[in-house]
Amino acid sequence: LPDFLRNYLKVSRLWVARNSSELNLLQKEVDLAREQVEEV
C-alpha cells in the first residue's frame, strides 16, 4: 500500500487540481507579456 500510494495513486493530484488555477493565471501573464514584446 505505501508504495502504491506514492507511485500510482498520487494523493497529491487532489491538491494540484485546486492549485492549477494559479499556474494558469501566471501562464496567461507570460503570454500577455510576450504579446507585448511583439507589439513593441
PDB file of all heavy atoms in Angstrom:
ATOM      1  N   LEU A   1       0.791  -1.228   0.000  1.00  0.00           N
ATOM      2  CA  LEU A   1       0.000   0.000   0.000  1.00  0.00           C
ATOM      3  C   LEU A   1       0.829   1.287   0.000  1.00  0.00           C
ATOM      4  O   LEU A   1       0.555   2.187  -0.796  1.00  0.00           O
ATOM      5  CB  LEU A   1      -0.987   0.001   1.163  1.00  0.00           C
ATOM      6  CG  LEU A   1      -1.959   1.174   1.201  1.00  0.00           C
ATOM      7  CD1 LEU A   1      -2.905   1.108   0.012  1.00  0.00           C
ATOM      8  CD2 LEU A   1      -2.733   1.190   2.489  1.00  0.00           C
ATOM      9  N   PRO A   2       1.850   1.437   0.846  1.00  0.00           N
ATOM     10  CA  PRO A   2       2.603   2.706   0.814  1.00  0.00           C
ATOM     11  C   PRO A   2       3.251   2.986  -0.540  1.00  0.00           C
ATOM     12  O   PRO A   2       3.210   4.120  -1.025  1.00  0.00           O
ATOM     13  CB  PRO A   2       3.657   2.514   1.903  1.00  0.00           C
ATOM     14  CG  PRO A   2       3.060   1.532   2.834  1.00  0.00           C
ATOM     15  CD  PRO A   2       2.273   0.601   1.968  1.00  0.00           C
ATOM     16  N   ASP A   3       3.812   1.975  -1.161  1.00  0.00           N
ATOM     17  CA  ASP A   3       4.440   2.165  -2.469  1.00  0.00           C
ATOM     18  C   ASP A   3       3.379   2.470  -3.527  1.00  0.00           C
ATOM     19  O   ASP A   3       3.602   3.290  -4.411  1.00  0.00           O
ATOM     20  CB  ASP A   3       5.227   0.915  -2.840  1.00  0.00           C
ATOM     21  CG  ASP A   3       6.264   1.197  -3.902  1.00  0.00           C
ATOM     22  OD1 ASP A   3       6.874   2.279  -3.849  1.00  0.00           O
ATOM     23  OD2 ASP A   3       6.460   0.342  -4.781  1.00  0.00           O
ATOM     24  N   PHE A   4       2.228   1.833  -3.420  1.00  0.00           N
ATOM     25  CA  PHE A   4       1.125   2.103  -4.342  1.00  0.00           C
ATOM     26  C   PHE A   4       0.648   3.544  -4.198  1.00  0.00           C
ATOM     27  O   PHE A   4       0.391   4.218  -5.189  1.00  0.00           O
ATOM     28  CB  PHE A   4      -0.021   1.124  -4.071  1.00  0.00           C
ATOM     29  CG  PHE A   4      -1.213   1.328  -4.956  1.00  0.00           C
ATOM     30  CD1 PHE A   4      -1.188   0.890  -6.268  1.00  0.00           C
ATOM     31  CD2 PHE A   4      -2.341   1.969  -4.487  1.00  0.00           C
ATOM     32  CE1 PHE A   4      -2.284   1.085  -7.100  1.00  0.00           C
ATOM     33  CE2 PHE A   4      -3.433   2.167  -5.302  1.00  0.00           C
ATOM     34  CZ  PHE A   4      -3.405   1.723  -6.617  1.00  0.00           C
ATOM     35  N   LEU A   5       0.539   4.020  -2.956  1.00  0.00           N
ATOM     36  CA  LEU A   5       0.114   5.401  -2.727  1.00  0.00           C
ATOM     37  C   LEU A   5       1.108   6.395  -3.305  1.00  0.00           C
ATOM     38  O   LEU A   5       0.721   7.406  -3.880  1.00  0.00           O
ATOM     39  CB  LEU A   5      -0.048   5.669  -1.228  1.00  0.00           C
ATOM     40  CG  LEU A   5      -1.277   5.093  -0.559  1.00  0.00           C
ATOM     41  CD1 LEU A   5      -1.210   5.342   0.943  1.00  0.00           C
ATOM     42  CD2 LEU A   5      -2.535   5.681  -1.133  1.00  0.00           C
ATOM     43  N   ARG A   6       2.379   6.120  -3.160  1.00  0.00           N
ATOM     44  CA  ARG A   6       3.399   7.059  -3.616  1.00  0.00           C
ATOM     45  C   ARG A   6       3.554   7.051  -5.135  1.00  0.00           C
ATOM     46  O   ARG A   6       3.650   8.104  -5.760  1.00  0.00           O
ATOM     47  CB  ARG A   6       4.741   6.730  -2.986  1.00  0.00           C
ATOM     48  CG  ARG A   6       5.844   7.667  -3.468  1.00  0.00           C
ATOM     49  CD  ARG A   6       7.196   7.216  -3.049  1.00  0.00           C
ATOM     50  NE  ARG A   6       7.509   7.747  -1.742  1.00  0.00           N
ATOM     51  CZ  ARG A   6       8.592   7.434  -1.072  1.00  0.00           C
ATOM     52  NH1 ARG A   6       9.442   6.582  -1.584  1.00  0.00           N
ATOM     53  NH2 ARG A   6       8.832   7.953   0.096  1.00  0.00           N
ATOM     54  N   ASN A   7       3.550   5.867  -5.741  1.00  0.00           N
ATOM     55  CA  ASN A   7       3.891   5.775  -7.159  1.00  0.00           C
ATOM     56  C   ASN A   7       2.718   5.729  -8.118  1.00  0.00           C
ATOM     57  O   ASN A   7       2.862   6.111  -9.271  1.00  0.00           O
ATOM     58  CB  ASN A   7       4.773   4.550  -7.402  1.00  0.00           C
ATOM     59  CG  ASN A   7       6.078   4.657  -6.665  1.00  0.00           C
ATOM     60  OD1 ASN A   7       6.601   5.745  -6.494  1.00  0.00           O
ATOM     61  ND2 ASN A   7       6.604   3.541  -6.218  1.00  0.00           N
ATOM     62  N   TYR A   8       1.557   5.243  -7.671  1.00  0.00           N
ATOM     63  CA  TYR A   8       0.465   5.051  -8.613  1.00  0.00           C
ATOM     64  C   TYR A   8      -0.764   5.897  -8.309  1.00  0.00           C
ATOM     65  O   TYR A   8      -1.358   6.479  -9.198  1.00  0.00           O
ATOM     66  CB  TYR A   8       0.070   3.572  -8.674  1.00  0.00           C
ATOM     67  CG  TYR A   8       1.235   2.704  -9.058  1.00  0.00           C
ATOM     68  CD1 TYR A   8       1.830   1.864  -8.128  1.00  0.00           C
ATOM     69  CD2 TYR A   8       1.766   2.759 -10.337  1.00  0.00           C
ATOM     70  CE1 TYR A   8       2.914   1.086  -8.474  1.00  0.00           C
ATOM     71  CE2 TYR A   8       2.861   1.990 -10.683  1.00  0.00           C
ATOM     72  CZ  TYR A   8       3.420   1.149  -9.755  1.00  0.00           C
ATOM     73  OH  TYR A   8       4.498   0.396 -10.095  1.00  0.00           O
ATOM     74  N   LEU A   9      -1.158   5.974  -7.063  1.00  0.00           N
ATOM     75  CA  LEU A   9      -2.368   6.710  -6.715  1.00  0.00           C
ATOM     76  C   LEU A   9      -2.131   8.215  -6.733  1.00  0.00           C
ATOM     77  O   LEU A   9      -2.988   8.978  -7.150  1.00  0.00           O
ATOM     78  CB  LEU A   9      -2.882   6.266  -5.339  1.00  0.00           C
ATOM     79  CG  LEU A   9      -4.212   6.845  -4.914  1.00  0.00           C
ATOM     80  CD1 LEU A   9      -5.290   6.490  -5.915  1.00  0.00           C
ATOM     81  CD2 LEU A   9      -4.589   6.352  -3.543  1.00  0.00           C
ATOM     82  N   LYS A  10      -0.959   8.647  -6.294  1.00  0.00           N
ATOM     83  CA  LYS A  10      -0.570  10.065  -6.278  1.00  0.00           C
ATOM     84  C   LYS A  10      -1.639  10.913  -5.597  1.00  0.00           C
ATOM     85  O   LYS A  10      -2.428  11.596  -6.239  1.00  0.00           O
ATOM     86  CB  LYS A  10      -0.320  10.582  -7.686  1.00  0.00           C
ATOM     87  CG  LYS A  10       0.774   9.887  -8.423  1.00  0.00           C
ATOM     88  CD  LYS A  10       2.094  10.440  -8.067  1.00  0.00           C
ATOM     89  CE  LYS A  10       3.171   9.815  -8.942  1.00  0.00           C
ATOM     90  NZ  LYS A  10       4.467  10.147  -8.532  1.00  0.00           N
ATOM     91  N   VAL A  11      -1.655  10.861  -4.292  1.00  0.00           N
ATOM     92  CA  VAL A  11      -2.605  11.625  -3.494  1.00  0.00           C
ATOM     93  C   VAL A  11      -2.490  13.115  -3.786  1.00  0.00           C
ATOM     94  O   VAL A  11      -3.463  13.863  -3.688  1.00  0.00           O
ATOM     95  CB  VAL A  11      -2.368  11.339  -1.989  1.00  0.00           C
ATOM     96  CG1 VAL A  11      -3.292  12.143  -1.118  1.00  0.00           C
ATOM     97  CG2 VAL A  11      -2.531   9.853  -1.717  1.00  0.00           C
ATOM     98  N   SER A  12      -1.322  13.557  -4.207  1.00  0.00           N
ATOM     99  CA  SER A  12      -1.101  14.979  -4.466  1.00  0.00           C
ATOM    100  C   SER A  12      -1.920  15.500  -5.635  1.00  0.00           C
ATOM    101  O   SER A  12      -2.108  16.704  -5.766  1.00  0.00           O
ATOM    102  CB  SER A  12       0.375  15.235  -4.732  1.00  0.00           C
ATOM    103  OG  SER A  12       0.782  14.556  -5.900  1.00  0.00           O
ATOM    104  N   ARG A  13      -2.436  14.622  -6.492  1.00  0.00           N
ATOM    105  CA  ARG A  13      -3.254  15.078  -7.617  1.00  0.00           C
ATOM    106  C   ARG A  13      -4.508  15.793  -7.134  1.00  0.00           C
ATOM    107  O   ARG A  13      -5.016  16.682  -7.799  1.00  0.00           O
ATOM    108  CB  ARG A  13      -3.652  13.902  -8.489  1.00  0.00           C
ATOM    109  CG  ARG A  13      -2.523  13.324  -9.271  1.00  0.00           C
ATOM    110  CD  ARG A  13      -2.982  12.173 -10.114  1.00  0.00           C
ATOM    111  NE  ARG A  13      -1.839  11.497 -10.684  1.00  0.00           N
ATOM    112  CZ  ARG A  13      -1.881  10.292 -11.190  1.00  0.00           C
ATOM    113  NH1 ARG A  13      -3.011   9.625 -11.208  1.00  0.00           N
ATOM    114  NH2 ARG A  13      -0.809   9.744 -11.688  1.00  0.00           N
ATOM    115  N   LEU A  14      -5.018  15.390  -5.984  1.00  0.00           N
ATOM    116  CA  LEU A  14      -6.201  16.035  -5.437  1.00  0.00           C
ATOM    117  C   LEU A  14      -5.900  17.481  -5.063  1.00  0.00           C
ATOM    118  O   LEU A  14      -6.730  18.362  -5.237  1.00  0.00           O
ATOM    119  CB  LEU A  14      -6.698  15.269  -4.210  1.00  0.00           C
ATOM    120  CG  LEU A  14      -7.017  13.791  -4.444  1.00  0.00           C
ATOM    121  CD1 LEU A  14      -7.337  13.113  -3.129  1.00  0.00           C
ATOM    122  CD2 LEU A  14      -8.140  13.648  -5.435  1.00  0.00           C
ATOM    123  N   TRP A  15      -4.700  17.740  -4.537  1.00  0.00           N
ATOM    124  CA  TRP A  15      -4.315  19.091  -4.147  1.00  0.00           C
ATOM    125  C   TRP A  15      -4.002  19.939  -5.372  1.00  0.00           C
ATOM    126  O   TRP A  15      -4.330  21.107  -5.431  1.00  0.00           O
ATOM    127  CB  TRP A  15      -3.112  19.046  -3.216  1.00  0.00           C
ATOM    128  CG  TRP A  15      -2.676  20.397  -2.776  1.00  0.00           C
ATOM    129  CD1 TRP A  15      -3.211  21.145  -1.775  1.00  0.00           C
ATOM    130  CD2 TRP A  15      -1.632  21.186  -3.351  1.00  0.00           C
ATOM    131  NE1 TRP A  15      -2.557  22.339  -1.682  1.00  0.00           N
ATOM    132  CE2 TRP A  15      -1.578  22.394  -2.634  1.00  0.00           C
ATOM    133  CE3 TRP A  15      -0.735  20.993  -4.385  1.00  0.00           C
ATOM    134  CZ2 TRP A  15      -0.669  23.385  -2.921  1.00  0.00           C
ATOM    135  CZ3 TRP A  15       0.165  21.984  -4.670  1.00  0.00           C
ATOM    136  CH2 TRP A  15       0.192  23.165  -3.936  1.00  0.00           C
ATOM    137  N   VAL A  16      -3.378  19.348  -6.374  1.00  0.00           N
ATOM    138  CA  VAL A  16      -2.916  20.092  -7.536  1.00  0.00           C
ATOM    139  C   VAL A  16      -4.097  20.565  -8.382  1.00  0.00           C
ATOM    140  O   VAL A  16      -4.049  21.639  -8.963  1.00  0.00           O
ATOM    141  CB  VAL A  16      -1.950  19.220  -8.370  1.00  0.00           C
ATOM    142  CG1 VAL A  16      -1.615  19.872  -9.678  1.00  0.00           C
ATOM    143  CG2 VAL A  16      -0.700  18.962  -7.564  1.00  0.00           C
ATOM    144  N   ALA A  17      -5.169  19.815  -8.432  1.00  0.00           N
ATOM    145  CA  ALA A  17      -6.319  20.218  -9.235  1.00  0.00           C
ATOM    146  C   ALA A  17      -6.869  21.554  -8.753  1.00  0.00           C
ATOM    147  O   ALA A  17      -7.339  22.371  -9.534  1.00  0.00           O
ATOM    148  CB  ALA A  17      -7.395  19.149  -9.150  1.00  0.00           C
ATOM    149  N   ARG A  18      -6.750  21.796  -7.478  1.00  0.00           N
ATOM    150  CA  ARG A  18      -7.259  23.036  -6.906  1.00  0.00           C
ATOM    151  C   ARG A  18      -6.246  24.170  -7.084  1.00  0.00           C
ATOM    152  O   ARG A  18      -6.615  25.337  -7.128  1.00  0.00           O
ATOM    153  CB  ARG A  18      -7.552  22.703  -5.450  1.00  0.00           C
ATOM    154  CG  ARG A  18      -7.656  23.690  -4.469  1.00  0.00           C
ATOM    155  CD  ARG A  18      -8.066  23.041  -3.150  1.00  0.00           C
ATOM    156  NE  ARG A  18      -6.976  22.422  -2.466  1.00  0.00           N
ATOM    157  CZ  ARG A  18      -6.253  23.030  -1.553  1.00  0.00           C
ATOM    158  NH1 ARG A  18      -6.510  24.259  -1.215  1.00  0.00           N
ATOM    159  NH2 ARG A  18      -5.283  22.401  -0.955  1.00  0.00           N
ATOM    160  N   ASN A  19      -4.965  23.863  -7.229  1.00  0.00           N
ATOM    161  CA  ASN A  19      -3.919  24.875  -7.308  1.00  0.00           C
ATOM    162  C   ASN A  19      -3.563  25.244  -8.753  1.00  0.00           C
ATOM    163  O   ASN A  19      -2.818  26.175  -8.983  1.00  0.00           O
ATOM    164  CB  ASN A  19      -2.668  24.371  -6.577  1.00  0.00           C
ATOM    165  CG  ASN A  19      -1.682  25.474  -6.309  1.00  0.00           C
ATOM    166  OD1 ASN A  19      -2.046  26.625  -6.155  1.00  0.00           O
ATOM    167  ND2 ASN A  19      -0.420  25.107  -6.260  1.00  0.00           N
ATOM    168  N   SER A  20      -4.090  24.532  -9.731  1.00  0.00           N
ATOM    169  CA  SER A  20      -3.696  24.770 -11.122  1.00  0.00           C
ATOM    170  C   SER A  20      -4.211  26.103 -11.647  1.00  0.00           C
ATOM    171  O   SER A  20      -3.683  26.617 -12.625  1.00  0.00           O
ATOM    172  CB  SER A  20      -4.188  23.630 -12.011  1.00  0.00           C
ATOM    173  OG  SER A  20      -5.598  23.585 -11.987  1.00  0.00           O
ATOM    174  N   SER A  21      -5.227  26.686 -11.031  1.00  0.00           N
ATOM    175  CA  SER A  21      -5.732  27.982 -11.496  1.00  0.00           C
ATOM    176  C   SER A  21      -4.668  29.070 -11.343  1.00  0.00           C
ATOM    177  O   SER A  21      -4.562  29.965 -12.181  1.00  0.00           O
ATOM    178  CB  SER A  21      -6.998  28.355 -10.735  1.00  0.00           C
ATOM    179  OG  SER A  21      -6.728  28.480  -9.361  1.00  0.00           O
ATOM    180  N   GLU A  22      -3.867  28.992 -10.286  1.00  0.00           N
ATOM    181  CA  GLU A  22      -2.791  29.969 -10.092  1.00  0.00           C
ATOM    182  C   GLU A  22      -1.741  29.840 -11.195  1.00  0.00           C
ATOM    183  O   GLU A  22      -1.270  30.846 -11.728  1.00  0.00           O
ATOM    184  CB  GLU A  22      -2.135  29.761  -8.729  1.00  0.00           C
ATOM    185  CG  GLU A  22      -1.011  30.728  -8.436  1.00  0.00           C
ATOM    186  CD  GLU A  22      -0.307  30.439  -7.126  1.00  0.00           C
ATOM    187  OE1 GLU A  22      -0.887  29.736  -6.279  1.00  0.00           O
ATOM    188  OE2 GLU A  22       0.828  30.911  -6.966  1.00  0.00           O
ATOM    189  N   LEU A  23      -1.412  28.608 -11.562  1.00  0.00           N
ATOM    190  CA  LEU A  23      -0.442  28.401 -12.642  1.00  0.00           C
ATOM    191  C   LEU A  23      -0.999  28.869 -13.983  1.00  0.00           C
ATOM    192  O   LEU A  23      -0.265  29.436 -14.799  1.00  0.00           O
ATOM    193  CB  LEU A  23      -0.041  26.931 -12.716  1.00  0.00           C
ATOM    194  CG  LEU A  23       0.832  26.422 -11.582  1.00  0.00           C
ATOM    195  CD1 LEU A  23       1.073  24.935 -11.719  1.00  0.00           C
ATOM    196  CD2 LEU A  23       2.149  27.161 -11.556  1.00  0.00           C
ATOM    197  N   ASN A  24      -2.279  28.644 -14.209  1.00  0.00           N
ATOM    198  CA  ASN A  24      -2.899  29.119 -15.454  1.00  0.00           C
ATOM    199  C   ASN A  24      -2.863  30.644 -15.531  1.00  0.00           C
ATOM    200  O   ASN A  24      -2.621  31.211 -16.597  1.00  0.00           O
ATOM    201  CB  ASN A  24      -4.345  28.622 -15.557  1.00  0.00           C
ATOM    202  CG  ASN A  24      -4.410  27.137 -15.816  1.00  0.00           C
ATOM    203  OD1 ASN A  24      -3.459  26.537 -16.286  1.00  0.00           O
ATOM    204  ND2 ASN A  24      -5.543  26.540 -15.501  1.00  0.00           N
ATOM    205  N   LEU A  25      -3.099  31.292 -14.416  1.00  0.00           N
ATOM    206  CA  LEU A  25      -3.067  32.753 -14.364  1.00  0.00           C
ATOM    207  C   LEU A  25      -1.654  33.269 -14.676  1.00  0.00           C
ATOM    208  O   LEU A  25      -1.489  34.224 -15.449  1.00  0.00           O
ATOM    209  CB  LEU A  25      -3.517  33.238 -12.982  1.00  0.00           C
ATOM    210  CG  LEU A  25      -3.654  34.733 -12.792  1.00  0.00           C
ATOM    211  CD1 LEU A  25      -4.789  35.271 -13.666  1.00  0.00           C
ATOM    212  CD2 LEU A  25      -3.916  35.049 -11.336  1.00  0.00           C
ATOM    213  N   LEU A  26      -0.643  32.625 -14.088  1.00  0.00           N
ATOM    214  CA  LEU A  26       0.738  33.030 -14.361  1.00  0.00           C
ATOM    215  C   LEU A  26       1.132  32.752 -15.814  1.00  0.00           C
ATOM    216  O   LEU A  26       1.878  33.526 -16.423  1.00  0.00           O
ATOM    217  CB  LEU A  26       1.692  32.329 -13.399  1.00  0.00           C
ATOM    218  CG  LEU A  26       1.629  32.801 -11.951  1.00  0.00           C
ATOM    219  CD1 LEU A  26       2.478  31.906 -11.061  1.00  0.00           C
ATOM    220  CD2 LEU A  26       2.093  34.244 -11.838  1.00  0.00           C
ATOM    221  N   GLN A  27       0.636  31.657 -16.391  1.00  0.00           N
ATOM    222  CA  GLN A  27       0.921  31.347 -17.789  1.00  0.00           C
ATOM    223  C   GLN A  27       0.287  32.390 -18.706  1.00  0.00           C
ATOM    224  O   GLN A  27       0.894  32.814 -19.700  1.00  0.00           O
ATOM    225  CB  GLN A  27       0.413  29.947 -18.146  1.00  0.00           C
ATOM    226  CG  GLN A  27       0.742  29.513 -19.552  1.00  0.00           C
ATOM    227  CD  GLN A  27       2.231  29.412 -19.809  1.00  0.00           C
ATOM    228  OE1 GLN A  27       2.975  28.855 -19.014  1.00  0.00           O
ATOM    229  NE2 GLN A  27       2.675  29.961 -20.925  1.00  0.00           N
ATOM    230  N   LYS A  28      -0.919  32.832 -18.373  1.00  0.00           N
ATOM    231  CA  LYS A  28      -1.565  33.892 -19.158  1.00  0.00           C
ATOM    232  C   LYS A  28      -0.770  35.189 -19.063  1.00  0.00           C
ATOM    233  O   LYS A  28      -0.659  35.933 -20.044  1.00  0.00           O
ATOM    234  CB  LYS A  28      -2.998  34.109 -18.674  1.00  0.00           C
ATOM    235  CG  LYS A  28      -3.938  33.005 -19.071  1.00  0.00           C
ATOM    236  CD  LYS A  28      -5.333  33.239 -18.543  1.00  0.00           C
ATOM    237  CE  LYS A  28      -6.237  32.059 -18.876  1.00  0.00           C
ATOM    238  NZ  LYS A  28      -7.588  32.214 -18.315  1.00  0.00           N
ATOM    239  N   GLU A  29      -0.212  35.458 -17.891  1.00  0.00           N
ATOM    240  CA  GLU A  29       0.607  36.657 -17.706  1.00  0.00           C
ATOM    241  C   GLU A  29       1.851  36.600 -18.594  1.00  0.00           C
ATOM    242  O   GLU A  29       2.241  37.599 -19.210  1.00  0.00           O
ATOM    243  CB  GLU A  29       0.996  36.781 -16.226  1.00  0.00           C
ATOM    244  CG  GLU A  29       1.713  38.049 -15.872  1.00  0.00           C
ATOM    245  CD  GLU A  29       2.043  38.122 -14.385  1.00  0.00           C
ATOM    246  OE1 GLU A  29       1.258  37.622 -13.568  1.00  0.00           O
ATOM    247  OE2 GLU A  29       3.110  38.684 -14.070  1.00  0.00           O
ATOM    248  N   VAL A  30       2.485  35.435 -18.683  1.00  0.00           N
ATOM    249  CA  VAL A  30       3.658  35.260 -19.544  1.00  0.00           C
ATOM    250  C   VAL A  30       3.268  35.452 -21.008  1.00  0.00           C
ATOM    251  O   VAL A  30       3.969  36.133 -21.774  1.00  0.00           O
ATOM    252  CB  VAL A  30       4.301  33.866 -19.319  1.00  0.00           C
ATOM    253  CG1 VAL A  30       5.319  33.546 -20.395  1.00  0.00           C
ATOM    254  CG2 VAL A  30       4.939  33.784 -17.951  1.00  0.00           C
ATOM    255  N   ASP A  31       2.140  34.853 -21.412  1.00  0.00           N
ATOM    256  CA  ASP A  31       1.689  35.007 -22.802  1.00  0.00           C
ATOM    257  C   ASP A  31       1.390  36.457 -23.146  1.00  0.00           C
ATOM    258  O   ASP A  31       1.736  36.932 -24.235  1.00  0.00           O
ATOM    259  CB  ASP A  31       0.448  34.137 -23.045  1.00  0.00           C
ATOM    260  CG  ASP A  31       0.756  32.655 -22.951  1.00  0.00           C
ATOM    261  OD1 ASP A  31       1.945  32.278 -23.090  1.00  0.00           O
ATOM    262  OD2 ASP A  31      -0.196  31.866 -22.735  1.00  0.00           O
ATOM    263  N   LEU A  32       0.769  37.163 -22.217  1.00  0.00           N
ATOM    264  CA  LEU A  32       0.457  38.572 -22.433  1.00  0.00           C
ATOM    265  C   LEU A  32       1.741  39.401 -22.564  1.00  0.00           C
ATOM    266  O   LEU A  32       1.840  40.282 -23.439  1.00  0.00           O
ATOM    267  CB  LEU A  32      -0.398  39.100 -21.279  1.00  0.00           C
ATOM    268  CG  LEU A  32      -0.868  40.546 -21.382  1.00  0.00           C
ATOM    269  CD1 LEU A  32      -1.813  40.708 -22.572  1.00  0.00           C
ATOM    270  CD2 LEU A  32      -1.554  40.974 -20.101  1.00  0.00           C
ATOM    271  N   ALA A  33       2.727  39.112 -21.733  1.00  0.00           N
ATOM    272  CA  ALA A  33       3.999  39.835 -21.800  1.00  0.00           C
ATOM    273  C   ALA A  33       4.709  39.560 -23.125  1.00  0.00           C
ATOM    274  O   ALA A  33       5.314  40.470 -23.713  1.00  0.00           O
ATOM    275  CB  ALA A  33       4.885  39.448 -20.622  1.00  0.00           C
ATOM    276  N   ARG A  34       4.630  38.330 -23.623  1.00  0.00           N
ATOM    277  CA  ARG A  34       5.252  38.009 -24.920  1.00  0.00           C
ATOM    278  C   ARG A  34       4.544  38.732 -26.065  1.00  0.00           C
ATOM    279  O   ARG A  34       5.182  39.167 -27.023  1.00  0.00           O
ATOM    280  CB  ARG A  34       5.228  36.499 -25.150  1.00  0.00           C
ATOM    281  CG  ARG A  34       6.232  35.766 -24.297  1.00  0.00           C
ATOM    282  CD  ARG A  34       6.239  34.295 -24.569  1.00  0.00           C
ATOM    283  NE  ARG A  34       7.219  33.638 -23.722  1.00  0.00           N
ATOM    284  CZ  ARG A  34       7.137  32.386 -23.329  1.00  0.00           C
ATOM    285  NH1 ARG A  34       6.121  31.636 -23.712  1.00  0.00           N
ATOM    286  NH2 ARG A  34       8.064  31.872 -22.566  1.00  0.00           N
ATOM    287  N   GLU A  35       3.219  38.819 -25.953  1.00  0.00           N
ATOM    288  CA  GLU A  35       2.478  39.572 -26.970  1.00  0.00           C
ATOM    289  C   GLU A  35       2.885  41.043 -26.958  1.00  0.00           C
ATOM    290  O   GLU A  35       2.996  41.667 -28.018  1.00  0.00           O
ATOM    291  CB  GLU A  35       0.970  39.444 -26.726  1.00  0.00           C
ATOM    292  CG  GLU A  35       0.405  38.092 -27.063  1.00  0.00           C
ATOM    293  CD  GLU A  35      -1.067  37.959 -26.710  1.00  0.00           C
ATOM    294  OE1 GLU A  35      -1.705  38.994 -26.404  1.00  0.00           O
ATOM    295  OE2 GLU A  35      -1.577  36.831 -26.744  1.00  0.00           O
ATOM    296  N   GLN A  36       3.114  41.600 -25.790  1.00  0.00           N
ATOM    297  CA  GLN A  36       3.535  42.994 -25.685  1.00  0.00           C
ATOM    298  C   GLN A  36       4.899  43.209 -26.327  1.00  0.00           C
ATOM    299  O   GLN A  36       5.145  44.235 -26.961  1.00  0.00           O
ATOM    300  CB  GLN A  36       3.556  43.448 -24.231  1.00  0.00           C
ATOM    301  CG  GLN A  36       2.191  43.655 -23.636  1.00  0.00           C
ATOM    302  CD  GLN A  36       2.254  44.046 -22.169  1.00  0.00           C
ATOM    303  OE1 GLN A  36       3.305  44.026 -21.544  1.00  0.00           O
ATOM    304  NE2 GLN A  36       1.088  44.394 -21.621  1.00  0.00           N
ATOM    305  N   VAL A  37       5.789  42.232 -26.180  1.00  0.00           N
ATOM    306  CA  VAL A  37       7.107  42.329 -26.819  1.00  0.00           C
ATOM    307  C   VAL A  37       6.940  42.372 -28.335  1.00  0.00           C
ATOM    308  O   VAL A  37       7.576  43.191 -29.023  1.00  0.00           O
ATOM    309  CB  VAL A  37       8.020  41.150 -26.396  1.00  0.00           C
ATOM    310  CG1 VAL A  37       9.253  41.065 -27.278  1.00  0.00           C
ATOM    311  CG2 VAL A  37       8.414  41.267 -24.947  1.00  0.00           C
ATOM    312  N   GLU A  38       6.095  41.525 -28.871  1.00  0.00           N
ATOM    313  CA  GLU A  38       5.875  41.514 -30.321  1.00  0.00           C
ATOM    314  C   GLU A  38       5.237  42.813 -30.799  1.00  0.00           C
ATOM    315  O   GLU A  38       5.583  43.325 -31.868  1.00  0.00           O
ATOM    316  CB  GLU A  38       4.997  40.309 -30.713  1.00  0.00           C
ATOM    317  CG  GLU A  38       5.694  38.982 -30.566  1.00  0.00           C
ATOM    318  CD  GLU A  38       6.992  38.905 -31.378  1.00  0.00           C
ATOM    319  OE1 GLU A  38       7.004  39.343 -32.542  1.00  0.00           O
ATOM    320  OE2 GLU A  38       7.996  38.417 -30.827  1.00  0.00           O
ATOM    321  N   GLU A  39       4.303  43.352 -29.991  1.00  0.00           N
ATOM    322  CA  GLU A  39       3.677  44.623 -30.358  1.00  0.00           C
ATOM    323  C   GLU A  39       4.709  45.748 -30.392  1.00  0.00           C
ATOM    324  O   GLU A  39       4.699  46.596 -31.289  1.00  0.00           O
ATOM    325  CB  GLU A  39       2.557  44.974 -29.375  1.00  0.00           C
ATOM    326  CG  GLU A  39       1.311  44.127 -29.524  1.00  0.00           C
ATOM    327  CD  GLU A  39       0.279  44.426 -28.455  1.00  0.00           C
ATOM    328  OE1 GLU A  39       0.445  45.416 -27.700  1.00  0.00           O
ATOM    329  OE2 GLU A  39      -0.692  43.660 -28.367  1.00  0.00           O
ATOM    330  N   VAL A  40       5.593  45.761 -29.400  1.00  0.00           N
ATOM    331  CA  VAL A  40       6.622  46.804 -29.346  1.00  0.00           C
ATOM    332  C   VAL A  40       7.589  46.649 -30.518  1.00  0.00           C
ATOM    333  O   VAL A  40       8.006  47.647 -31.122  1.00  0.00           O
ATOM    334  CB  VAL A  40       7.366  46.756 -27.986  1.00  0.00           C
ATOM    335  CG1 VAL A  40       8.610  47.623 -28.010  1.00  0.00           C
ATOM    336  CG2 VAL A  40       6.446  47.174 -26.860  1.00  0.00           C
TER     337      VAL A  40
END
